[in-house]
Amino acid sequence: MGDVARRYIKDPLLLRFIDIKCYCWAVVPANMTPIINAGMVLSDRHYGGVNFPEHGVGKIAQTLAEGLEKAGSQIQYQARVKRILTE
């Protein structure tokens, strides 16, 4: 996102705003934020309001993992996936 923004936008304040928005959402600067993610971040401010998950976006994955484990699933972190078993 950062490279694309700097190609077309010259206003340093607007570029800083984009950097901050990307960092708040993706926890990386705009130059490390994929353009598709940045598009969602920036459009969210204008379509439907600002809807950030309480405690950050990592809370979504954490809650999903907790629910899966409560339902009897086993999650192996940092493991190479060779196959996914479902019943």
Protein backbone atom coordinates (compact mmCIF):
# COMPACT_ATOMS: atom_id res chain seq x y z
CA MET A 1 0.00 0.00 0.00
CA GLY A 2 2.74 2.45 0.91
CA ASP A 3 4.46 2.27 -2.47
CA VAL A 4 1.18 2.71 -4.34
CA ALA A 5 0.12 5.63 -2.12
CA ARG A 6 3.45 7.39 -2.55
CA ARG A 7 3.26 6.96 -6.33
CA TYR A 8 -0.01 8.95 -6.54
CA ILE A 9 -0.24 11.03 -3.35
CA LYS A 10 2.21 13.81 -2.45
CA ASP A 11 0.52 15.30 0.63
CA PRO A 12 2.72 14.25 3.60
CA LEU A 13 -0.16 14.55 6.08
CA LEU A 14 -2.39 12.28 4.01
CA LEU A 15 0.45 9.78 3.57
CA ARG A 16 1.00 9.78 7.35
CA PHE A 17 -2.73 9.19 7.86
CA ILE A 18 -2.56 6.17 5.54
CA ASP A 19 0.49 4.86 7.42
CA ILE A 20 -1.26 5.21 10.76
CA LYS A 21 -4.49 3.59 9.53
CA CYS A 22 -2.59 0.64 8.07
CA TYR A 23 -0.56 0.24 11.25
CA CYS A 24 -3.68 0.33 13.44
CA TRP A 25 -5.33 -2.40 11.40
CA ALA A 26 -2.50 -4.59 10.13
CA VAL A 27 0.10 -3.77 12.84
CA VAL A 28 2.64 -3.05 10.11
CA PRO A 29 3.44 0.18 8.25
CA ALA A 30 1.67 0.93 4.98
CA ASN A 31 4.67 -0.18 2.92
CA MET A 32 4.21 -3.69 4.39
CA THR A 33 0.39 -3.76 4.22
CA PRO A 34 -1.02 -5.67 1.22
CA ILE A 35 -3.09 -3.39 -1.00
CA ILE A 36 -6.24 -5.52 -0.55
CA ASN A 37 -6.04 -5.17 3.24
CA ALA A 38 -5.36 -1.45 3.03
CA GLY A 39 -8.36 -1.00 0.76
CA MET A 40 -10.60 -2.60 3.37
CA VAL A 41 -9.03 -0.47 6.11
CA LEU A 42 -9.54 2.79 4.28
CA SER A 43 -13.02 2.04 2.89
CA ASP A 44 -14.29 0.93 6.31
CA ARG A 45 -14.08 4.52 7.50
CA HIS A 46 -16.57 5.61 4.84
CA TYR A 47 -18.88 2.64 4.44
CA GLY A 48 -20.74 1.57 7.53
CA GLY A 49 -18.52 3.35 10.03
CA VAL A 50 -15.40 2.24 11.82
CA ASN A 51 -15.81 -1.29 13.13
CA PHE A 52 -12.65 -2.56 14.80
CA PRO A 53 -12.88 -5.67 16.96
CA GLU A 54 -12.50 -5.03 20.66
CA HIS A 55 -8.97 -6.10 21.74
CA GLY A 56 -7.74 -6.08 18.10
CA VAL A 57 -8.16 -8.35 15.10
CA GLY A 58 -6.18 -11.15 16.75
CA LYS A 59 -9.13 -11.61 19.10
CA ILE A 60 -11.15 -13.04 16.19
CA ALA A 61 -8.70 -15.88 15.61
CA GLN A 62 -8.25 -16.44 19.35
CA THR A 63 -11.99 -16.72 19.95
CA LEU A 64 -12.40 -19.02 16.94
CA ALA A 65 -9.62 -21.28 18.25
CA GLU A 66 -11.15 -21.36 21.73
CA GLY A 67 -14.53 -22.32 20.28
CA LEU A 68 -13.03 -25.08 18.16
CA GLU A 69 -11.16 -26.50 21.15
CA LYS A 70 -14.32 -26.41 23.29
CA ALA A 71 -16.06 -28.37 20.53
CA GLY A 72 -13.38 -31.06 20.74
CA SER A 73 -11.02 -29.96 17.99
CA GLN A 74 -7.27 -29.99 18.37
CA ILE A 75 -5.21 -27.09 17.03
CA GLN A 76 -1.51 -27.53 16.34
CA TYR A 77 0.29 -24.22 15.99
CA GLN A 78 3.33 -23.75 13.77
CA ALA A 79 2.85 -27.21 12.29
CA ARG A 80 3.06 -28.09 8.61
CA VAL A 81 -0.38 -29.08 7.32
CA LYS A 82 -0.36 -32.28 5.29
CA ARG A 83 -4.07 -32.99 5.50
CA ILE A 84 -7.20 -31.79 7.28
CA LEU A 85 -9.42 -34.39 8.89
CA THR A 86 -13.14 -33.75 9.30
CA GLU A 87 -15.84 -35.94 10.72
